[in-house]
């Protein structure tokens, strides 16, 4: 089985020592105190936080993570939950399919790994809903392995501070991944701190549109700032996405109504009050049914999944 961790011989630490030396003490003083950090949870808690945090700010994730961990503190507990329970508990986090995938992931962990979250890349990405980023994050943050974690915030910090150019978003390319590998400290413990610190810096200081450069510990080393912030805030061109009136909004309204209904069940007449456009409503009902997020009964009433 291939080891996804990075060899310490990829580069010389001297190339990036100024960045490492500046960022580690900043992390010690400024890291936000989330319960899944600093070794206060296990690999399952880390995995749960990473899945919940996809496209969702950590501050918004916090109360959901706490409530989930209070009820389903291990894979075996979540594996026994019903679909209706996990969808209801997901609340308004968004992208509710993630809730069902987490349950499927827990069931696979129990069935294949005896209830222990695996610690290798190949095993992690074989789990439902676990991709490259989440697998690497679990390896680094739960198991302390020397592996580059590449998310939007880390890419932005590395692209700006070391590469001297704006990060344009989209999927990570080969050069961005290579930079993340090269910048990783040789020492495994320091590599974990580096991954966490660069991610935190991107989330709180080196933000996309309004970086607080005067507060940045990398300010004196930042090639992007030295170049005059060329293309600050520039992104790959793509159509502006809105939320109001979209199928995503309608799907969310349907699920919200079912979460709050008695026995998570509503007649079609009751659910039709959610959205005036019956054509769009029916399309969203069908898509939710196809995704396994609701069930349609013979009388056309709706319920959250019973299984």
C-alpha atoms as a PDB file:
ATOM      1  CA  UNK A   1       0.000   0.000   0.000  1.00  0.00           C
ATOM      2  CA  UNK A   2       1.450   3.370  -1.031  1.00  0.00           C
ATOM      3  CA  UNK A   3       2.490   5.800   1.730  1.00  0.00           C
ATOM      4  CA  UNK A   4       1.032   9.237   0.991  1.00  0.00           C
ATOM      5  CA  UNK A   5       3.294  11.015   3.463  1.00  0.00           C
ATOM      6  CA  UNK A   6       6.111  13.167   2.050  1.00  0.00           C
ATOM      7  CA  UNK A   7       9.781  12.282   2.294  1.00  0.00           C
ATOM      8  CA  UNK A   8      11.742  14.791   4.408  1.00  0.00           C
ATOM      9  CA  UNK A   9      14.349  14.901   1.659  1.00  0.00           C
ATOM     10  CA  UNK A  10      12.091  16.799  -0.760  1.00  0.00           C
ATOM     11  CA  UNK A  11      13.749  20.124   0.098  1.00  0.00           C
ATOM     12  CA  UNK A  12      16.066  21.898   2.495  1.00  0.00           C
ATOM     13  CA  UNK A  13      14.353  23.535   5.463  1.00  0.00           C
ATOM     14  CA  UNK A  14      16.699  26.469   4.946  1.00  0.00           C
ATOM     15  CA  UNK A  15      14.613  27.492   1.924  1.00  0.00           C
ATOM     16  CA  UNK A  16      11.586  28.197   4.103  1.00  0.00           C
ATOM     17  CA  UNK A  17      12.988  28.530   7.626  1.00  0.00           C
ATOM     18  CA  UNK A  18      12.071  32.230   7.871  1.00  0.00           C
ATOM     19  CA  UNK A  19       8.434  31.361   7.136  1.00  0.00           C
ATOM     20  CA  UNK A  20       8.452  28.455   9.605  1.00  0.00           C
ATOM     21  CA  UNK A  21      10.097  30.528  12.327  1.00  0.00           C
ATOM     22  CA  UNK A  22       7.598  33.372  11.944  1.00  0.00           C
ATOM     23  CA  UNK A  23       4.410  31.325  11.714  1.00  0.00           C
ATOM     24  CA  UNK A  24       4.852  28.794  14.545  1.00  0.00           C
ATOM     25  CA  UNK A  25       4.832  31.349  17.398  1.00  0.00           C
ATOM     26  CA  UNK A  26       1.956  33.211  15.751  1.00  0.00           C
ATOM     27  CA  UNK A  27      -0.076  29.991  15.788  1.00  0.00           C
ATOM     28  CA  UNK A  28       0.716  29.458  19.455  1.00  0.00           C
ATOM     29  CA  UNK A  29      -0.612  32.925  20.299  1.00  0.00           C
ATOM     30  CA  UNK A  30      -3.498  33.341  17.849  1.00  0.00           C
ATOM     31  CA  UNK A  31      -5.016  29.921  17.067  1.00  0.00           C
ATOM     32  CA  UNK A  32      -8.749  29.876  17.666  1.00  0.00           C
ATOM     33  CA  UNK A  33      -9.735  27.497  20.437  1.00  0.00           C
ATOM     34  CA  UNK A  34     -11.884  24.909  18.677  1.00  0.00           C
ATOM     35  CA  UNK A  35     -12.534  21.617  20.516  1.00  0.00           C
ATOM     36  CA  UNK A  36     -11.189  19.502  17.659  1.00  0.00           C
ATOM     37  CA  UNK A  37      -7.755  21.121  17.961  1.00  0.00           C
ATOM     38  CA  UNK A  38      -4.763  20.564  20.260  1.00  0.00           C
ATOM     39  CA  UNK A  39      -5.341  16.834  20.669  1.00  0.00           C
ATOM     40  CA  UNK A  40      -8.619  17.247  22.554  1.00  0.00           C
ATOM     41  CA  UNK A  41     -10.541  14.872  20.314  1.00  0.00           C
ATOM     42  CA  UNK A  42      -9.839  11.641  18.483  1.00  0.00           C
ATOM     43  CA  UNK A  43      -9.586  10.895  14.773  1.00  0.00           C
ATOM     44  CA  UNK A  44     -13.367  10.580  14.500  1.00  0.00           C
ATOM     45  CA  UNK A  45     -13.827  14.071  15.945  1.00  0.00           C
ATOM     46  CA  UNK A  46     -11.261  15.453  13.518  1.00  0.00           C
ATOM     47  CA  UNK A  47     -12.888  13.708  10.557  1.00  0.00           C
ATOM     48  CA  UNK A  48     -16.311  15.024  11.571  1.00  0.00           C
ATOM     49  CA  UNK A  49     -15.020  18.590  11.880  1.00  0.00           C
ATOM     50  CA  UNK A  50     -13.336  18.453   8.484  1.00  0.00           C
ATOM     51  CA  UNK A  51     -16.419  17.143   6.664  1.00  0.00           C
ATOM     52  CA  UNK A  52     -18.655  19.702   8.358  1.00  0.00           C
ATOM     53  CA  UNK A  53     -16.221  22.521   7.548  1.00  0.00           C
ATOM     54  CA  UNK A  54     -16.317  21.955   3.788  1.00  0.00           C
ATOM     55  CA  UNK A  55     -17.573  25.250   2.320  1.00  0.00           C
ATOM     56  CA  UNK A  56     -18.720  26.252   5.816  1.00  0.00           C
ATOM     57  CA  UNK A  57     -16.936  28.558   8.324  1.00  0.00           C
ATOM     58  CA  UNK A  58     -15.647  26.808  11.439  1.00  0.00           C
ATOM     59  CA  UNK A  59     -17.485  29.213  13.734  1.00  0.00           C
ATOM     60  CA  UNK A  60     -20.758  28.084  12.177  1.00  0.00           C
ATOM     61  CA  UNK A  61     -19.743  24.429  12.385  1.00  0.00           C
ATOM     62  CA  UNK A  62     -18.923  24.581  16.110  1.00  0.00           C
ATOM     63  CA  UNK A  63     -22.435  24.114  17.629  1.00  0.00           C
ATOM     64  CA  UNK A  64     -23.296  21.347  15.147  1.00  0.00           C
ATOM     65  CA  UNK A  65     -20.028  19.525  15.834  1.00  0.00           C
ATOM     66  CA  UNK A  66     -20.650  19.723  19.562  1.00  0.00           C
ATOM     67  CA  UNK A  67     -24.210  18.414  19.272  1.00  0.00           C
ATOM     68  CA  UNK A  68     -23.183  15.579  16.937  1.00  0.00           C
ATOM     69  CA  UNK A  69     -20.302  14.544  19.180  1.00  0.00           C
ATOM     70  CA  UNK A  70     -22.607  14.585  22.203  1.00  0.00           C
ATOM     71  CA  UNK A  71     -24.889  12.047  20.498  1.00  0.00           C
ATOM     72  CA  UNK A  72     -22.546  10.223  18.095  1.00  0.00           C
ATOM     73  CA  UNK A  73     -19.121  10.381  19.684  1.00  0.00           C
ATOM     74  CA  UNK A  74     -17.812   7.387  17.729  1.00  0.00           C
ATOM     75  CA  UNK A  75     -18.375   5.763  14.324  1.00  0.00           C
ATOM     76  CA  UNK A  76     -20.282   2.829  15.833  1.00  0.00           C
ATOM     77  CA  UNK A  77     -22.841   5.179  17.387  1.00  0.00           C
ATOM     78  CA  UNK A  78     -23.458   7.125  14.177  1.00  0.00           C
ATOM     79  CA  UNK A  79     -23.601   3.882  12.207  1.00  0.00           C
ATOM     80  CA  UNK A  80     -26.718   2.924  14.171  1.00  0.00           C
ATOM     81  CA  UNK A  81     -28.527   6.241  13.605  1.00  0.00           C
ATOM     82  CA  UNK A  82     -31.420   6.515  11.182  1.00  0.00           C
ATOM     83  CA  UNK A  83     -31.231   8.673   8.082  1.00  0.00           C
ATOM     84  CA  UNK A  84     -33.987  10.876   9.474  1.00  0.00           C
ATOM     85  CA  UNK A  85     -31.999  11.458  12.663  1.00  0.00           C
ATOM     86  CA  UNK A  86     -28.828  12.555  10.890  1.00  0.00           C
ATOM     87  CA  UNK A  87     -30.642  14.750   8.357  1.00  0.00           C
ATOM     88  CA  UNK A  88     -32.576  16.421  11.158  1.00  0.00           C
ATOM     89  CA  UNK A  89     -29.414  16.937  13.217  1.00  0.00           C
ATOM     90  CA  UNK A  90     -27.634  18.435  10.204  1.00  0.00           C
ATOM     91  CA  UNK A  91     -29.967  21.417  10.480  1.00  0.00           C
ATOM     92  CA  UNK A  92     -29.026  24.349   8.246  1.00  0.00           C
ATOM     93  CA  UNK A  93     -25.366  23.479   7.681  1.00  0.00           C
ATOM     94  CA  UNK A  94     -25.995  23.187   3.946  1.00  0.00           C
ATOM     95  CA  UNK A  95     -25.279  20.409   1.450  1.00  0.00           C
ATOM     96  CA  UNK A  96     -27.280  17.890   3.555  1.00  0.00           C
ATOM     97  CA  UNK A  97     -26.107  14.968   1.461  1.00  0.00           C
ATOM     98  CA  UNK A  98     -22.962  15.208   3.594  1.00  0.00           C
ATOM     99  CA  UNK A  99     -24.987  14.024   6.594  1.00  0.00           C
ATOM    100  CA  UNK A 100     -25.934  10.773   4.880  1.00  0.00           C
ATOM    101  CA  UNK A 101     -22.400  10.302   3.597  1.00  0.00           C
ATOM    102  CA  UNK A 102     -21.074  10.685   7.138  1.00  0.00           C
ATOM    103  CA  UNK A 103     -23.407   7.927   8.305  1.00  0.00           C
ATOM    104  CA  UNK A 104     -22.284   5.730   5.402  1.00  0.00           C
ATOM    105  CA  UNK A 105     -18.673   6.553   6.295  1.00  0.00           C
ATOM    106  CA  UNK A 106     -19.269   5.514   9.915  1.00  0.00           C
ATOM    107  CA  UNK A 107     -20.847   2.258   8.792  1.00  0.00           C
ATOM    108  CA  UNK A 108     -17.841   1.496   6.583  1.00  0.00           C
ATOM    109  CA  UNK A 109     -15.413   2.291   9.405  1.00  0.00           C
ATOM    110  CA  UNK A 110     -17.251  -0.142  11.662  1.00  0.00           C
ATOM    111  CA  UNK A 111     -17.593  -2.863   9.033  1.00  0.00           C
ATOM    112  CA  UNK A 112     -14.101  -2.664   7.548  1.00  0.00           C
ATOM    113  CA  UNK A 113     -11.865  -1.197  10.254  1.00  0.00           C
ATOM    114  CA  UNK A 114     -13.415  -2.357  13.511  1.00  0.00           C
ATOM    115  CA  UNK A 115     -14.688   1.105  14.369  1.00  0.00           C
ATOM    116  CA  UNK A 116     -11.276   2.823  14.186  1.00  0.00           C
ATOM    117  CA  UNK A 117     -10.753   5.654  11.703  1.00  0.00           C
ATOM    118  CA  UNK A 118      -7.943   4.449   9.427  1.00  0.00           C
ATOM    119  CA  UNK A 119      -4.670   6.361   9.247  1.00  0.00           C
ATOM    120  CA  UNK A 120      -3.509   5.717   5.664  1.00  0.00           C
ATOM    121  CA  UNK A 121      -4.387   7.766   2.618  1.00  0.00           C
ATOM    122  CA  UNK A 122      -5.631   4.852   0.536  1.00  0.00           C
ATOM    123  CA  UNK A 123      -7.935   3.576   3.265  1.00  0.00           C
ATOM    124  CA  UNK A 124      -9.292   7.026   4.089  1.00  0.00           C
ATOM    125  CA  UNK A 125     -10.164   7.972   0.502  1.00  0.00           C
ATOM    126  CA  UNK A 126     -11.906   4.615   0.099  1.00  0.00           C
ATOM    127  CA  UNK A 127     -14.517   5.777   2.616  1.00  0.00           C
ATOM    128  CA  UNK A 128     -17.774   7.407   1.424  1.00  0.00           C
ATOM    129  CA  UNK A 129     -17.510  11.193   1.232  1.00  0.00           C
ATOM    130  CA  UNK A 130     -13.774  11.327   2.019  1.00  0.00           C
ATOM    131  CA  UNK A 131     -11.646  12.996  -0.641  1.00  0.00           C
ATOM    132  CA  UNK A 132      -8.006  14.034  -0.925  1.00  0.00           C
ATOM    133  CA  UNK A 133      -8.194  17.056   1.368  1.00  0.00           C
ATOM    134  CA  UNK A 134     -10.101  15.343   4.196  1.00  0.00           C
ATOM    135  CA  UNK A 135      -7.858  12.271   4.074  1.00  0.00           C
ATOM    136  CA  UNK A 136      -4.716  14.403   4.364  1.00  0.00           C
ATOM    137  CA  UNK A 137      -6.260  16.542   7.120  1.00  0.00           C
ATOM    138  CA  UNK A 138      -7.096  13.456   9.199  1.00  0.00           C
ATOM    139  CA  UNK A 139      -3.620  12.023   8.663  1.00  0.00           C
ATOM    140  CA  UNK A 140      -1.984  15.272   9.752  1.00  0.00           C
ATOM    141  CA  UNK A 141      -4.286  16.618  12.458  1.00  0.00           C
ATOM    142  CA  UNK A 142      -5.406  13.330  14.022  1.00  0.00           C
ATOM    143  CA  UNK A 143      -2.350  11.122  13.493  1.00  0.00           C
ATOM    144  CA  UNK A 144       0.464  13.677  13.312  1.00  0.00           C
ATOM    145  CA  UNK A 145       1.772  12.524   9.949  1.00  0.00           C
ATOM    146  CA  UNK A 146       3.986  14.630   7.711  1.00  0.00           C
ATOM    147  CA  UNK A 147       1.658  15.211   4.765  1.00  0.00           C
ATOM    148  CA  UNK A 148       0.771  18.429   2.906  1.00  0.00           C
ATOM    149  CA  UNK A 149      -2.800  19.569   3.525  1.00  0.00           C
ATOM    150  CA  UNK A 150      -4.003  21.655   0.595  1.00  0.00           C
ATOM    151  CA  UNK A 151      -7.151  23.710   1.075  1.00  0.00           C
ATOM    152  CA  UNK A 152      -8.190  27.131  -0.260  1.00  0.00           C
ATOM    153  CA  UNK A 153      -6.710  29.055   2.655  1.00  0.00           C
ATOM    154  CA  UNK A 154      -3.361  27.245   2.595  1.00  0.00           C
ATOM    155  CA  UNK A 155      -3.085  27.674  -1.163  1.00  0.00           C
ATOM    156  CA  UNK A 156      -3.746  31.407  -0.826  1.00  0.00           C
ATOM    157  CA  UNK A 157      -1.089  31.904   1.838  1.00  0.00           C
ATOM    158  CA  UNK A 158       1.555  29.869   0.025  1.00  0.00           C
ATOM    159  CA  UNK A 159       0.785  31.409  -3.362  1.00  0.00           C
ATOM    160  CA  UNK A 160       1.028  34.928  -1.984  1.00  0.00           C
ATOM    161  CA  UNK A 161       3.775  34.716   0.616  1.00  0.00           C
ATOM    162  CA  UNK A 162       6.131  32.316  -1.178  1.00  0.00           C
ATOM    163  CA  UNK A 163       4.990  32.438  -4.813  1.00  0.00           C
ATOM    164  CA  UNK A 164       4.365  36.173  -4.951  1.00  0.00           C
ATOM    165  CA  UNK A 165       1.130  35.827  -6.902  1.00  0.00           C
ATOM    166  CA  UNK A 166      -2.587  35.842  -6.191  1.00  0.00           C
ATOM    167  CA  UNK A 167      -4.284  32.465  -5.828  1.00  0.00           C
ATOM    168  CA  UNK A 168      -7.063  32.312  -8.395  1.00  0.00           C
ATOM    169  CA  UNK A 169      -9.074  29.542  -6.766  1.00  0.00           C
ATOM    170  CA  UNK A 170     -10.517  26.540  -8.581  1.00  0.00           C
ATOM    171  CA  UNK A 171      -8.980  23.100  -8.263  1.00  0.00           C
ATOM    172  CA  UNK A 172      -5.417  22.901  -6.962  1.00  0.00           C
ATOM    173  CA  UNK A 173      -2.921  22.497  -9.788  1.00  0.00           C
ATOM    174  CA  UNK A 174       0.330  20.541  -9.830  1.00  0.00           C
ATOM    175  CA  UNK A 175       2.533  23.556  -9.084  1.00  0.00           C
ATOM    176  CA  UNK A 176       0.439  24.495  -6.040  1.00  0.00           C
ATOM    177  CA  UNK A 177       0.642  20.966  -4.689  1.00  0.00           C
ATOM    178  CA  UNK A 178       4.393  20.884  -5.286  1.00  0.00           C
ATOM    179  CA  UNK A 179       4.808  24.175  -3.431  1.00  0.00           C
ATOM    180  CA  UNK A 180       2.851  22.776  -0.482  1.00  0.00           C
ATOM    181  CA  UNK A 181       5.112  19.711  -0.416  1.00  0.00           C
ATOM    182  CA  UNK A 182       8.310  21.748  -0.665  1.00  0.00           C
ATOM    183  CA  UNK A 183       7.307  24.200   2.062  1.00  0.00           C
ATOM    184  CA  UNK A 184       6.474  21.459   4.576  1.00  0.00           C
ATOM    185  CA  UNK A 185       8.915  21.377   7.542  1.00  0.00           C
ATOM    186  CA  UNK A 186      11.039  18.266   7.822  1.00  0.00           C
ATOM    187  CA  UNK A 187       9.979  17.509  11.379  1.00  0.00           C
ATOM    188  CA  UNK A 188       6.581  15.773  11.515  1.00  0.00           C
ATOM    189  CA  UNK A 189       5.362  17.712  14.570  1.00  0.00           C
ATOM    190  CA  UNK A 190       6.352  21.023  13.014  1.00  0.00           C
ATOM    191  CA  UNK A 191       4.728  20.008   9.722  1.00  0.00           C
ATOM    192  CA  UNK A 192       1.388  19.612  11.522  1.00  0.00           C
ATOM    193  CA  UNK A 193       1.782  23.050  13.116  1.00  0.00           C
ATOM    194  CA  UNK A 194       2.682  24.508   9.729  1.00  0.00           C
ATOM    195  CA  UNK A 195      -0.418  23.037   8.080  1.00  0.00           C
ATOM    196  CA  UNK A 196      -2.661  24.294  10.870  1.00  0.00           C
ATOM    197  CA  UNK A 197      -1.040  27.708  11.051  1.00  0.00           C
ATOM    198  CA  UNK A 198      -1.107  28.449   7.314  1.00  0.00           C
ATOM    199  CA  UNK A 199      -4.767  27.390   7.199  1.00  0.00           C
ATOM    200  CA  UNK A 200      -5.595  29.620  10.171  1.00  0.00           C
ATOM    201  CA  UNK A 201      -3.653  32.537   8.717  1.00  0.00           C
ATOM    202  CA  UNK A 202      -5.597  32.276   5.464  1.00  0.00           C
ATOM    203  CA  UNK A 203      -8.915  32.129   7.304  1.00  0.00           C
ATOM    204  CA  UNK A 204      -8.315  35.038   9.666  1.00  0.00           C
ATOM    205  CA  UNK A 205      -5.570  37.321   8.311  1.00  0.00           C
ATOM    206  CA  UNK A 206      -4.573  36.565   4.715  1.00  0.00           C
ATOM    207  CA  UNK A 207      -8.165  36.638   3.534  1.00  0.00           C
ATOM    208  CA  UNK A 208      -9.236  36.669  -0.102  1.00  0.00           C
ATOM    209  CA  UNK A 209     -10.347  40.275  -0.551  1.00  0.00           C
ATOM    210  CA  UNK A 210      -9.134  42.253   2.465  1.00  0.00           C
ATOM    211  CA  UNK A 211      -5.932  40.775   3.919  1.00  0.00           C
ATOM    212  CA  UNK A 212      -4.795  42.343   7.201  1.00  0.00           C
ATOM    213  CA  UNK A 213      -1.187  42.599   6.115  1.00  0.00           C
ATOM    214  CA  UNK A 214      -0.141  44.798   9.034  1.00  0.00           C
ATOM    215  CA  UNK A 215      -1.126  41.952  11.383  1.00  0.00           C
ATOM    216  CA  UNK A 216       0.523  39.182   9.372  1.00  0.00           C
ATOM    217  CA  UNK A 217       3.553  37.406  10.844  1.00  0.00           C
ATOM    218  CA  UNK A 218       4.825  36.761   7.305  1.00  0.00           C
ATOM    219  CA  UNK A 219       4.626  40.437   6.264  1.00  0.00           C
ATOM    220  CA  UNK A 220       8.389  40.950   6.046  1.00  0.00           C
ATOM    221  CA  UNK A 221       8.839  37.746   4.016  1.00  0.00           C
ATOM    222  CA  UNK A 222       5.737  38.021   1.814  1.00  0.00           C
ATOM    223  CA  UNK A 223       6.658  38.260  -1.858  1.00  0.00           C
ATOM    224  CA  UNK A 224       3.095  39.224  -2.767  1.00  0.00           C
ATOM    225  CA  UNK A 225       3.171  42.283  -0.504  1.00  0.00           C
ATOM    226  CA  UNK A 226       6.664  43.165  -1.702  1.00  0.00           C
ATOM    227  CA  UNK A 227       5.378  43.129  -5.289  1.00  0.00           C
ATOM    228  CA  UNK A 228       2.522  45.503  -4.429  1.00  0.00           C
ATOM    229  CA  UNK A 229      -0.298  42.939  -4.137  1.00  0.00           C
ATOM    230  CA  UNK A 230      -0.692  42.350  -7.911  1.00  0.00           C
ATOM    231  CA  UNK A 231      -4.229  41.203  -8.808  1.00  0.00           C
ATOM    232  CA  UNK A 232      -5.433  41.228  -5.196  1.00  0.00           C
ATOM    233  CA  UNK A 233      -8.836  39.540  -4.949  1.00  0.00           C
ATOM    234  CA  UNK A 234      -8.768  38.383  -8.576  1.00  0.00           C
ATOM    235  CA  UNK A 235     -10.461  35.045  -9.211  1.00  0.00           C
ATOM    236  CA  UNK A 236     -10.984  32.755 -12.151  1.00  0.00           C
ATOM    237  CA  UNK A 237     -13.844  34.110 -14.217  1.00  0.00           C
ATOM    238  CA  UNK A 238     -17.097  32.278 -13.652  1.00  0.00           C
ATOM    239  CA  UNK A 239     -20.782  33.228 -13.567  1.00  0.00           C
ATOM    240  CA  UNK A 240     -21.926  34.828 -10.322  1.00  0.00           C
ATOM    241  CA  UNK A 241     -24.018  32.383  -8.345  1.00  0.00           C
ATOM    242  CA  UNK A 242     -27.039  33.537  -6.386  1.00  0.00           C
ATOM    243  CA  UNK A 243     -29.007  31.659  -3.746  1.00  0.00           C
ATOM    244  CA  UNK A 244     -32.453  33.268  -3.765  1.00  0.00           C
ATOM    245  CA  UNK A 245     -34.835  31.374  -5.998  1.00  0.00           C
ATOM    246  CA  UNK A 246     -32.450  28.508  -6.703  1.00  0.00           C
ATOM    247  CA  UNK A 247     -33.259  24.821  -6.374  1.00  0.00           C
ATOM    248  CA  UNK A 248     -30.814  24.737  -3.486  1.00  0.00           C
ATOM    249  CA  UNK A 249     -32.973  27.232  -1.599  1.00  0.00           C
ATOM    250  CA  UNK A 250     -36.160  25.287  -2.337  1.00  0.00           C
ATOM    251  CA  UNK A 251     -34.563  21.984  -1.290  1.00  0.00           C
ATOM    252  CA  UNK A 252     -33.477  23.608   1.951  1.00  0.00           C
ATOM    253  CA  UNK A 253     -37.004  24.867   2.638  1.00  0.00           C
ATOM    254  CA  UNK A 254     -38.482  21.412   2.061  1.00  0.00           C
ATOM    255  CA  UNK A 255     -35.998  19.771   4.429  1.00  0.00           C
ATOM    256  CA  UNK A 256     -36.498  22.477   7.051  1.00  0.00           C
ATOM    257  CA  UNK A 257     -40.268  21.948   6.965  1.00  0.00           C
ATOM    258  CA  UNK A 258     -39.846  18.189   7.360  1.00  0.00           C
ATOM    259  CA  UNK A 259     -37.332  18.544  10.191  1.00  0.00           C
ATOM    260  CA  UNK A 260     -39.843  20.577  12.196  1.00  0.00           C
ATOM    261  CA  UNK A 261     -42.967  18.555  11.321  1.00  0.00           C
ATOM    262  CA  UNK A 262     -44.520  15.992  13.629  1.00  0.00           C
ATOM    263  CA  UNK A 263     -42.856  12.643  12.948  1.00  0.00           C
ATOM    264  CA  UNK A 264     -40.991  14.415  10.116  1.00  0.00           C
ATOM    265  CA  UNK A 265     -44.023  13.917   7.872  1.00  0.00           C
ATOM    266  CA  UNK A 266     -46.056  16.362   5.745  1.00  0.00           C
ATOM    267  CA  UNK A 267     -48.830  15.951   3.196  1.00  0.00           C
ATOM    268  CA  UNK A 268     -48.253  17.258  -0.310  1.00  0.00           C
ATOM    269  CA  UNK A 269     -50.727  20.093   0.354  1.00  0.00           C
ATOM    270  CA  UNK A 270     -48.714  21.098   3.412  1.00  0.00           C
ATOM    271  CA  UNK A 271     -45.391  20.968   1.600  1.00  0.00           C
ATOM    272  CA  UNK A 272     -46.819  22.964  -1.314  1.00  0.00           C
ATOM    273  CA  UNK A 273     -47.023  25.953   1.050  1.00  0.00           C
ATOM    274  CA  UNK A 274     -43.239  26.024   1.087  1.00  0.00           C
ATOM    275  CA  UNK A 275     -42.845  27.286  -2.491  1.00  0.00           C
ATOM    276  CA  UNK A 276     -45.331  28.837  -4.902  1.00  0.00           C
ATOM    277  CA  UNK A 277     -43.784  27.533  -8.119  1.00  0.00           C
ATOM    278  CA  UNK A 278     -45.208  24.006  -8.245  1.00  0.00           C
ATOM    279  CA  UNK A 279     -43.006  22.962 -11.176  1.00  0.00           C
ATOM    280  CA  UNK A 280     -39.817  23.910  -9.369  1.00  0.00           C
ATOM    281  CA  UNK A 281     -41.145  22.446  -6.118  1.00  0.00           C
ATOM    282  CA  UNK A 282     -41.855  19.087  -7.752  1.00  0.00           C
ATOM    283  CA  UNK A 283     -38.418  19.045  -9.384  1.00  0.00           C
ATOM    284  CA  UNK A 284     -36.775  19.663  -6.013  1.00  0.00           C
ATOM    285  CA  UNK A 285     -38.894  16.990  -4.328  1.00  0.00           C
ATOM    286  CA  UNK A 286     -37.807  14.537  -7.008  1.00  0.00           C
ATOM    287  CA  UNK A 287     -34.126  15.448  -6.620  1.00  0.00           C
ATOM    288  CA  UNK A 288     -34.275  15.109  -2.830  1.00  0.00           C
ATOM    289  CA  UNK A 289     -35.890  11.698  -3.252  1.00  0.00           C
ATOM    290  CA  UNK A 290     -33.211  10.667  -5.731  1.00  0.00           C
ATOM    291  CA  UNK A 291     -30.490  11.765  -3.272  1.00  0.00           C
ATOM    292  CA  UNK A 292     -32.066   9.696  -0.519  1.00  0.00           C
ATOM    293  CA  UNK A 293     -32.804  12.741   1.632  1.00  0.00           C
ATOM    294  CA  UNK A 294     -36.586  12.251   1.685  1.00  0.00           C
ATOM    295  CA  UNK A 295     -39.131   9.526   0.927  1.00  0.00           C
ATOM    296  CA  UNK A 296     -42.288   9.977  -1.124  1.00  0.00           C
ATOM    297  CA  UNK A 297     -45.240   7.885   0.029  1.00  0.00           C
ATOM    298  CA  UNK A 298     -48.026   6.480  -2.143  1.00  0.00           C
ATOM    299  CA  UNK A 299     -50.344   9.331  -1.147  1.00  0.00           C
ATOM    300  CA  UNK A 300     -47.620  11.801  -2.329  1.00  0.00           C
ATOM    301  CA  UNK A 301     -46.888  12.916   1.223  1.00  0.00           C
ATOM    302  CA  UNK A 302     -43.248  13.359   2.226  1.00  0.00           C
ATOM    303  CA  UNK A 303     -41.168  12.127   5.130  1.00  0.00           C
ATOM    304  CA  UNK A 304     -37.546  12.041   6.105  1.00  0.00           C
ATOM    305  CA  UNK A 305     -35.989   8.604   5.431  1.00  0.00           C
ATOM    306  CA  UNK A 306     -37.009   5.920   7.883  1.00  0.00           C
ATOM    307  CA  UNK A 307     -34.012   3.649   7.393  1.00  0.00           C
END
